C-alpha atoms as a PDB file:
ATOM      1  CA  UNK A   1      78.008  41.877 -36.588  1.00  0.00           C
ATOM      2  CA  UNK A   2      79.990  41.705 -33.395  1.00  0.00           C
ATOM      3  CA  UNK A   3      79.108  41.222 -29.834  1.00  0.00           C
ATOM      4  CA  UNK A   4      80.417  43.530 -27.267  1.00  0.00           C
ATOM      5  CA  UNK A   5      83.524  41.710 -25.857  1.00  0.00           C
ATOM      6  CA  UNK A   6      83.163  42.952 -21.656  1.00  0.00           C
ATOM      7  CA  UNK A   7      85.524  42.645 -18.870  1.00  0.00           C
ATOM      8  CA  UNK A   8      84.733  40.780 -16.026  1.00  0.00           C
ATOM      9  CA  UNK A   9      82.445  42.733 -13.554  1.00  0.00           C
ATOM     10  CA  UNK A  10      83.847  46.235 -12.515  1.00  0.00           C
ATOM     11  CA  UNK A  11      84.602  45.693  -8.391  1.00  0.00           C
ATOM     12  CA  UNK A  12      85.341  48.595  -6.019  1.00  0.00           C
ATOM     13  CA  UNK A  13      89.006  48.210  -6.653  1.00  0.00           C
ATOM     14  CA  UNK A  14      88.688  49.797 -10.093  1.00  0.00           C
ATOM     15  CA  UNK A  15      91.470  51.857 -10.883  1.00  0.00           C
ATOM     16  CA  UNK A  16      90.019  54.041 -13.943  1.00  0.00           C
ATOM     17  CA  UNK A  17      86.718  56.089 -13.976  1.00  0.00           C
ATOM     18  CA  UNK A  18      84.668  56.723 -10.853  1.00  0.00           C
ATOM     19  CA  UNK A  19      84.295  54.803  -7.955  1.00  0.00           C
ATOM     20  CA  UNK A  20      81.584  51.826  -8.595  1.00  0.00           C
ATOM     21  CA  UNK A  21      80.495  49.366  -5.767  1.00  0.00           C
ATOM     22  CA  UNK A  22      77.813  46.727  -6.207  1.00  0.00           C
ATOM     23  CA  UNK A  23      74.275  47.763  -4.519  1.00  0.00           C
ATOM     24  CA  UNK A  24      72.394  44.617  -3.363  1.00  0.00           C
ATOM     25  CA  UNK A  25      71.497  42.810  -6.536  1.00  0.00           C
ATOM     26  CA  UNK A  26      72.967  45.591  -8.883  1.00  0.00           C
ATOM     27  CA  UNK A  27      76.589  45.085 -10.645  1.00  0.00           C
ATOM     28  CA  UNK A  28      77.933  47.114 -12.854  1.00  0.00           C
ATOM     29  CA  UNK A  29      79.569  45.927 -15.847  1.00  0.00           C
ATOM     30  CA  UNK A  30      81.845  49.065 -16.204  1.00  0.00           C
ATOM     31  CA  UNK A  31      82.769  51.885 -14.186  1.00  0.00           C
ATOM     32  CA  UNK A  32      79.837  54.101 -13.364  1.00  0.00           C
ATOM     33  CA  UNK A  33      78.762  56.749 -10.863  1.00  0.00           C
ATOM     34  CA  UNK A  34      77.164  54.794  -7.334  1.00  0.00           C
ATOM     35  CA  UNK A  35      73.956  57.500  -8.115  1.00  0.00           C
ATOM     36  CA  UNK A  36      72.955  55.283 -11.233  1.00  0.00           C
ATOM     37  CA  UNK A  37      73.152  52.257  -9.150  1.00  0.00           C
ATOM     38  CA  UNK A  38      71.282  53.603  -6.057  1.00  0.00           C
ATOM     39  CA  UNK A  39      68.730  55.063  -8.148  1.00  0.00           C
ATOM     40  CA  UNK A  40      65.636  53.136  -7.632  1.00  0.00           C
ATOM     41  CA  UNK A  41      62.065  52.946  -7.421  1.00  0.00           C
ATOM     42  CA  UNK A  42      61.132  52.504  -3.606  1.00  0.00           C
ATOM     43  CA  UNK A  43      56.908  52.268  -2.980  1.00  0.00           C
ATOM     44  CA  UNK A  44      57.635  52.431   0.657  1.00  0.00           C
ATOM     45  CA  UNK A  45      57.278  55.781   1.555  1.00  0.00           C
ATOM     46  CA  UNK A  46      58.057  57.363   5.262  1.00  0.00           C
ATOM     47  CA  UNK A  47      55.507  60.041   5.090  1.00  0.00           C
ATOM     48  CA  UNK A  48      57.061  62.651   5.561  1.00  0.00           C
ATOM     49  CA  UNK A  49      56.328  65.936   3.652  1.00  0.00           C
ATOM     50  CA  UNK A  50      58.313  67.251   0.787  1.00  0.00           C
ATOM     51  CA  UNK A  51      59.582  70.530   0.863  1.00  0.00           C
ATOM     52  CA  UNK A  52      58.506  73.206  -2.153  1.00  0.00           C
ATOM     53  CA  UNK A  53      61.844  74.020  -1.821  1.00  0.00           C
ATOM     54  CA  UNK A  54      63.104  70.495  -2.850  1.00  0.00           C
ATOM     55  CA  UNK A  55      60.416  70.358  -5.042  1.00  0.00           C
ATOM     56  CA  UNK A  56      61.828  73.346  -7.199  1.00  0.00           C
ATOM     57  CA  UNK A  57      65.093  71.850  -6.946  1.00  0.00           C
ATOM     58  CA  UNK A  58      63.813  68.912  -8.782  1.00  0.00           C
ATOM     59  CA  UNK A  59      61.829  70.562 -11.548  1.00  0.00           C
ATOM     60  CA  UNK A  60      65.182  72.907 -11.913  1.00  0.00           C
ATOM     61  CA  UNK A  61      66.900  69.449 -12.655  1.00  0.00           C
ATOM     62  CA  UNK A  62      64.319  68.635 -15.273  1.00  0.00           C
ATOM     63  CA  UNK A  63      64.354  71.768 -16.574  1.00  0.00           C
ATOM     64  CA  UNK A  64      67.763  71.554 -18.054  1.00  0.00           C
ATOM     65  CA  UNK A  65      67.786  68.406 -19.812  1.00  0.00           C
ATOM     66  CA  UNK A  66      67.937  68.344 -23.202  1.00  0.00           C
ATOM     67  CA  UNK A  67      65.453  68.126 -25.843  1.00  0.00           C
ATOM     68  CA  UNK A  68      65.045  68.832 -29.617  1.00  0.00           C
ATOM     69  CA  UNK A  69      65.519  72.003 -31.018  1.00  0.00           C
ATOM     70  CA  UNK A  70      65.139  73.078 -27.608  1.00  0.00           C
ATOM     71  CA  UNK A  71      61.708  72.917 -27.575  1.00  0.00           C
ATOM     72  CA  UNK A  72      61.069  71.592 -23.707  1.00  0.00           C
ATOM     73  CA  UNK A  73      57.798  69.998 -24.777  1.00  0.00           C
ATOM     74  CA  UNK A  74      57.649  68.645 -20.946  1.00  0.00           C
ATOM     75  CA  UNK A  75      55.115  69.892 -18.519  1.00  0.00           C
ATOM     76  CA  UNK A  76      54.781  69.201 -14.457  1.00  0.00           C
ATOM     77  CA  UNK A  77      51.917  69.383 -12.533  1.00  0.00           C
ATOM     78  CA  UNK A  78      52.246  68.400  -8.678  1.00  0.00           C
ATOM     79  CA  UNK A  79      50.492  68.728  -5.353  1.00  0.00           C
ATOM     80  CA  UNK A  80      51.403  68.852  -1.856  1.00  0.00           C
ATOM     81  CA  UNK A  81      48.289  70.364  -0.116  1.00  0.00           C
ATOM     82  CA  UNK A  82      46.377  67.735   1.226  1.00  0.00           C
ATOM     83  CA  UNK A  83      43.213  68.515  -1.053  1.00  0.00           C
ATOM     84  CA  UNK A  84      45.221  68.702  -4.146  1.00  0.00           C
ATOM     85  CA  UNK A  85      47.193  65.164  -3.212  1.00  0.00           C
ATOM     86  CA  UNK A  86      43.951  63.418  -2.894  1.00  0.00           C
ATOM     87  CA  UNK A  87      43.199  64.808  -6.696  1.00  0.00           C
ATOM     88  CA  UNK A  88      46.420  63.594  -7.763  1.00  0.00           C
ATOM     89  CA  UNK A  89      45.809  60.207  -6.310  1.00  0.00           C
ATOM     90  CA  UNK A  90      42.814  59.535  -7.749  1.00  0.00           C
ATOM     91  CA  UNK A  91      44.015  59.523 -11.297  1.00  0.00           C
ATOM     92  CA  UNK A  92      46.508  56.427 -10.009  1.00  0.00           C
ATOM     93  CA  UNK A  93      45.562  53.002 -10.150  1.00  0.00           C
ATOM     94  CA  UNK A  94      43.592  51.562  -7.188  1.00  0.00           C
ATOM     95  CA  UNK A  95      46.836  49.396  -6.712  1.00  0.00           C
ATOM     96  CA  UNK A  96      48.935  52.229  -7.067  1.00  0.00           C
ATOM     97  CA  UNK A  97      46.995  54.683  -4.445  1.00  0.00           C
ATOM     98  CA  UNK A  98      47.836  52.058  -1.836  1.00  0.00           C
ATOM     99  CA  UNK A  99      51.478  52.828  -1.352  1.00  0.00           C
ATOM    100  CA  UNK A 100      51.644  56.073  -2.872  1.00  0.00           C
ATOM    101  CA  UNK A 101      49.904  57.651  -0.198  1.00  0.00           C
ATOM    102  CA  UNK A 102      53.037  57.497   1.753  1.00  0.00           C
ATOM    103  CA  UNK A 103      54.605  59.979  -0.509  1.00  0.00           C
ATOM    104  CA  UNK A 104      55.690  63.394   0.340  1.00  0.00           C
ATOM    105  CA  UNK A 105      54.844  64.618  -3.126  1.00  0.00           C
ATOM    106  CA  UNK A 106      53.089  63.539  -6.077  1.00  0.00           C
ATOM    107  CA  UNK A 107      53.641  65.099  -9.562  1.00  0.00           C
ATOM    108  CA  UNK A 108      52.312  64.242 -13.439  1.00  0.00           C
ATOM    109  CA  UNK A 109      54.498  64.494 -16.258  1.00  0.00           C
ATOM    110  CA  UNK A 110      52.921  65.685 -19.320  1.00  0.00           C
ATOM    111  CA  UNK A 111      54.047  66.284 -23.100  1.00  0.00           C
ATOM    112  CA  UNK A 112      52.823  69.075 -25.054  1.00  0.00           C
ATOM    113  CA  UNK A 113      51.138  67.658 -28.543  1.00  0.00           C
ATOM    114  CA  UNK A 114      52.960  68.970 -31.543  1.00  0.00           C
ATOM    115  CA  UNK A 115      50.058  70.146 -33.801  1.00  0.00           C
ATOM    116  CA  UNK A 116      52.261  70.644 -37.140  1.00  0.00           C
ATOM    117  CA  UNK A 117      53.244  66.745 -37.034  1.00  0.00           C
ATOM    118  CA  UNK A 118      49.756  65.452 -36.573  1.00  0.00           C
ATOM    119  CA  UNK A 119      47.261  64.595 -33.424  1.00  0.00           C
ATOM    120  CA  UNK A 120      49.884  62.470 -31.387  1.00  0.00           C
ATOM    121  CA  UNK A 121      53.262  63.881 -29.857  1.00  0.00           C
ATOM    122  CA  UNK A 122      56.320  62.966 -31.771  1.00  0.00           C
ATOM    123  CA  UNK A 123      58.247  60.564 -30.365  1.00  0.00           C
ATOM    124  CA  UNK A 124      61.194  62.924 -29.862  1.00  0.00           C
ATOM    125  CA  UNK A 125      59.043  64.366 -27.796  1.00  0.00           C
ATOM    126  CA  UNK A 126      58.337  61.737 -25.641  1.00  0.00           C
ATOM    127  CA  UNK A 127      61.856  60.802 -25.912  1.00  0.00           C
ATOM    128  CA  UNK A 128      62.517  64.825 -24.284  1.00  0.00           C
ATOM    129  CA  UNK A 129      59.907  64.169 -21.640  1.00  0.00           C
ATOM    130  CA  UNK A 130      61.664  60.761 -20.685  1.00  0.00           C
ATOM    131  CA  UNK A 131      65.292  62.694 -20.409  1.00  0.00           C
ATOM    132  CA  UNK A 132      63.563  65.253 -18.191  1.00  0.00           C
ATOM    133  CA  UNK A 133      62.223  62.743 -15.822  1.00  0.00           C
ATOM    134  CA  UNK A 134      65.497  61.263 -15.324  1.00  0.00           C
ATOM    135  CA  UNK A 135      67.180  64.113 -14.366  1.00  0.00           C
ATOM    136  CA  UNK A 136      64.646  64.747 -11.703  1.00  0.00           C
ATOM    137  CA  UNK A 137      64.876  61.344 -10.620  1.00  0.00           C
ATOM    138  CA  UNK A 138      68.449  61.902 -10.052  1.00  0.00           C
ATOM    139  CA  UNK A 139      68.422  65.166  -8.443  1.00  0.00           C
ATOM    140  CA  UNK A 140      65.843  63.520  -5.983  1.00  0.00           C
ATOM    141  CA  UNK A 141      68.670  60.957  -4.919  1.00  0.00           C
ATOM    142  CA  UNK A 142      71.334  63.645  -4.556  1.00  0.00           C
ATOM    143  CA  UNK A 143      68.901  65.207  -1.921  1.00  0.00           C
ATOM    144  CA  UNK A 144      68.215  61.916   0.061  1.00  0.00           C
ATOM    145  CA  UNK A 145      64.739  61.286  -1.859  1.00  0.00           C
ATOM    146  CA  UNK A 146      63.575  58.956  -3.930  1.00  0.00           C
ATOM    147  CA  UNK A 147      61.396  59.421  -7.037  1.00  0.00           C
ATOM    148  CA  UNK A 148      59.518  56.503  -8.406  1.00  0.00           C
ATOM    149  CA  UNK A 149      58.074  56.614 -12.160  1.00  0.00           C
ATOM    150  CA  UNK A 150      54.379  55.279 -12.045  1.00  0.00           C
ATOM    151  CA  UNK A 151      52.770  53.986 -15.647  1.00  0.00           C
ATOM    152  CA  UNK A 152      49.374  52.892 -13.869  1.00  0.00           C
ATOM    153  CA  UNK A 153      47.069  55.245 -14.267  1.00  0.00           C
ATOM    154  CA  UNK A 154      43.359  55.936 -15.408  1.00  0.00           C
ATOM    155  CA  UNK A 155      44.796  58.703 -18.396  1.00  0.00           C
ATOM    156  CA  UNK A 156      41.142  59.610 -19.153  1.00  0.00           C
ATOM    157  CA  UNK A 157      40.262  60.493 -15.568  1.00  0.00           C
ATOM    158  CA  UNK A 158      43.490  62.518 -14.983  1.00  0.00           C
ATOM    159  CA  UNK A 159      42.561  64.751 -18.024  1.00  0.00           C
ATOM    160  CA  UNK A 160      39.055  65.477 -16.250  1.00  0.00           C
ATOM    161  CA  UNK A 161      40.780  65.310 -12.642  1.00  0.00           C
ATOM    162  CA  UNK A 162      43.425  67.961 -13.309  1.00  0.00           C
ATOM    163  CA  UNK A 163      41.860  70.232 -16.251  1.00  0.00           C
ATOM    164  CA  UNK A 164      44.242  69.158 -18.667  1.00  0.00           C
ATOM    165  CA  UNK A 165      43.259  69.885 -22.206  1.00  0.00           C
ATOM    166  CA  UNK A 166      44.245  66.460 -24.383  1.00  0.00           C
ATOM    167  CA  UNK A 167      43.776  68.500 -27.366  1.00  0.00           C
ATOM    168  CA  UNK A 168      47.169  70.211 -26.081  1.00  0.00           C
ATOM    169  CA  UNK A 169      48.687  67.696 -23.733  1.00  0.00           C
ATOM    170  CA  UNK A 170      49.491  63.800 -22.956  1.00  0.00           C
ATOM    171  CA  UNK A 171      49.511  62.536 -20.000  1.00  0.00           C
ATOM    172  CA  UNK A 172      52.580  60.110 -19.716  1.00  0.00           C
ATOM    173  CA  UNK A 173      53.124  58.970 -16.058  1.00  0.00           C
ATOM    174  CA  UNK A 174      52.462  60.128 -12.664  1.00  0.00           C
ATOM    175  CA  UNK A 175      55.812  60.537 -10.282  1.00  0.00           C
ATOM    176  CA  UNK A 176      55.720  59.758  -6.653  1.00  0.00           C
ATOM    177  CA  UNK A 177      58.281  61.443  -4.610  1.00  0.00           C
ATOM    178  CA  UNK A 178      59.472  61.144  -1.087  1.00  0.00           C
ATOM    179  CA  UNK A 179      61.668  59.488   1.511  1.00  0.00           C
ATOM    180  CA  UNK A 180      62.074  55.905   1.523  1.00  0.00           C
ATOM    181  CA  UNK A 181      60.345  53.989   4.333  1.00  0.00           C
ATOM    182  CA  UNK A 182      59.759  50.547   5.814  1.00  0.00           C
ATOM    183  CA  UNK A 183      59.455  47.644   3.514  1.00  0.00           C
ATOM    184  CA  UNK A 184      57.285  46.080   6.190  1.00  0.00           C
ATOM    185  CA  UNK A 185      54.976  48.792   6.222  1.00  0.00           C
ATOM    186  CA  UNK A 186      53.569  47.460   2.736  1.00  0.00           C
ATOM    187  CA  UNK A 187      51.163  44.934   2.006  1.00  0.00           C
ATOM    188  CA  UNK A 188      53.009  41.523   1.884  1.00  0.00           C
ATOM    189  CA  UNK A 189      52.973  41.279  -1.823  1.00  0.00           C
ATOM    190  CA  UNK A 190      55.035  44.885  -2.595  1.00  0.00           C
ATOM    191  CA  UNK A 191      57.234  44.113   0.489  1.00  0.00           C
ATOM    192  CA  UNK A 192      58.535  40.980  -1.100  1.00  0.00           C
ATOM    193  CA  UNK A 193      59.445  43.138  -4.195  1.00  0.00           C
ATOM    194  CA  UNK A 194      61.217  46.102  -2.299  1.00  0.00           C
ATOM    195  CA  UNK A 195      64.533  45.825  -3.296  1.00  0.00           C
ATOM    196  CA  UNK A 196      66.511  47.293  -5.963  1.00  0.00           C
ATOM    197  CA  UNK A 197      65.972  45.618  -9.366  1.00  0.00           C
ATOM    198  CA  UNK A 198      69.034  44.077 -11.286  1.00  0.00           C
ATOM    199  CA  UNK A 199      69.486  45.159 -15.162  1.00  0.00           C
ATOM    200  CA  UNK A 200      70.359  42.829 -17.730  1.00  0.00           C
ATOM    201  CA  UNK A 201      74.016  42.832 -18.708  1.00  0.00           C
ATOM    202  CA  UNK A 202      75.594  45.159 -21.344  1.00  0.00           C
ATOM    203  CA  UNK A 203      76.395  42.217 -23.955  1.00  0.00           C
ATOM    204  CA  UNK A 204      72.548  41.901 -24.206  1.00  0.00           C
ATOM    205  CA  UNK A 205      71.674  45.666 -24.719  1.00  0.00           C
ATOM    206  CA  UNK A 206      74.782  46.680 -26.612  1.00  0.00           C
ATOM    207  CA  UNK A 207      76.418  45.626 -29.765  1.00  0.00           C
ATOM    208  CA  UNK A 208      79.052  46.658 -32.217  1.00  0.00           C
ATOM    209  CA  UNK A 209      77.785  47.074 -35.882  1.00  0.00           C
ATOM    210  CA  UNK A 210      74.829  46.827 -37.807  1.00  0.00           C
ATOM    211  CA  UNK A 211      72.298  44.346 -35.827  1.00  0.00           C
ATOM    212  CA  UNK A 212      72.025  41.925 -39.262  1.00  0.00           C
ATOM    213  CA  UNK A 213      73.739  42.543 -42.535  1.00  0.00           C
ATOM    214  CA  UNK A 214      72.481  45.524 -44.496  1.00  0.00           C
ATOM    215  CA  UNK A 215      69.827  44.880 -47.318  1.00  0.00           C
ATOM    216  CA  UNK A 216      71.686  47.229 -49.638  1.00  0.00           C
ATOM    217  CA  UNK A 217      75.233  48.222 -49.640  1.00  0.00           C
ATOM    218  CA  UNK A 218      76.310  51.621 -48.537  1.00  0.00           C
ATOM    219  CA  UNK A 219      76.829  53.951 -51.437  1.00  0.00           C
ATOM    220  CA  UNK A 220      80.452  54.068 -52.948  1.00  0.00           C
ATOM    221  CA  UNK A 221      82.101  57.320 -51.467  1.00  0.00           C
ATOM    222  CA  UNK A 222      82.017  60.319 -54.413  1.00  0.00           C
ATOM    223  CA  UNK A 223      84.920  62.275 -55.525  1.00  0.00           C
ATOM    224  CA  UNK A 224      85.124  66.063 -55.953  1.00  0.00           C
ATOM    225  CA  UNK A 225      87.372  67.768 -58.575  1.00  0.00           C
END
């Protein structure tokens, strides 16, 4: 087992790869586009609307995410009109409803159940839906918006509120989209947390080679005549 031997943290003077810089508590261990550092999940939104044109751009980005066998198992439902927004908000936990009201749009990400694999979506389908979410989130940054994925839901209620068949789809997350607002407009406990979060260093999440010695030796290569 060999751990990753990392150079010192990259600085804005890096001479190879894309330009990078620290963003708040975020400092890259290797050159990376600032887009990945600047994307974070705020709770303070300024209440301004998100246009349908911008939303279509977000969903278009998600549309081109990779998927196993090109099955594209994700589905998005979204709300911008007041009556629909209240219905979509009601599916969030009460704590999340408090801050999500300031967003310009609310969406839900569903994944289609694969009946051939049993009652639940395969791990690959959920993985694919996660790729669609990340594509959407990065596109939001490019538009000057922020997207916050919300896992704190009353999922059983969401099925009824949005007319989603639990036999056909699984509700994964809600997505709150808008323009960043002022942290001081949030409840005090949330305002204290309103900043980009750091990440574990690469050496803690990446290593070269197997995690532990293999239980069985690799098969001997075969020769052909």
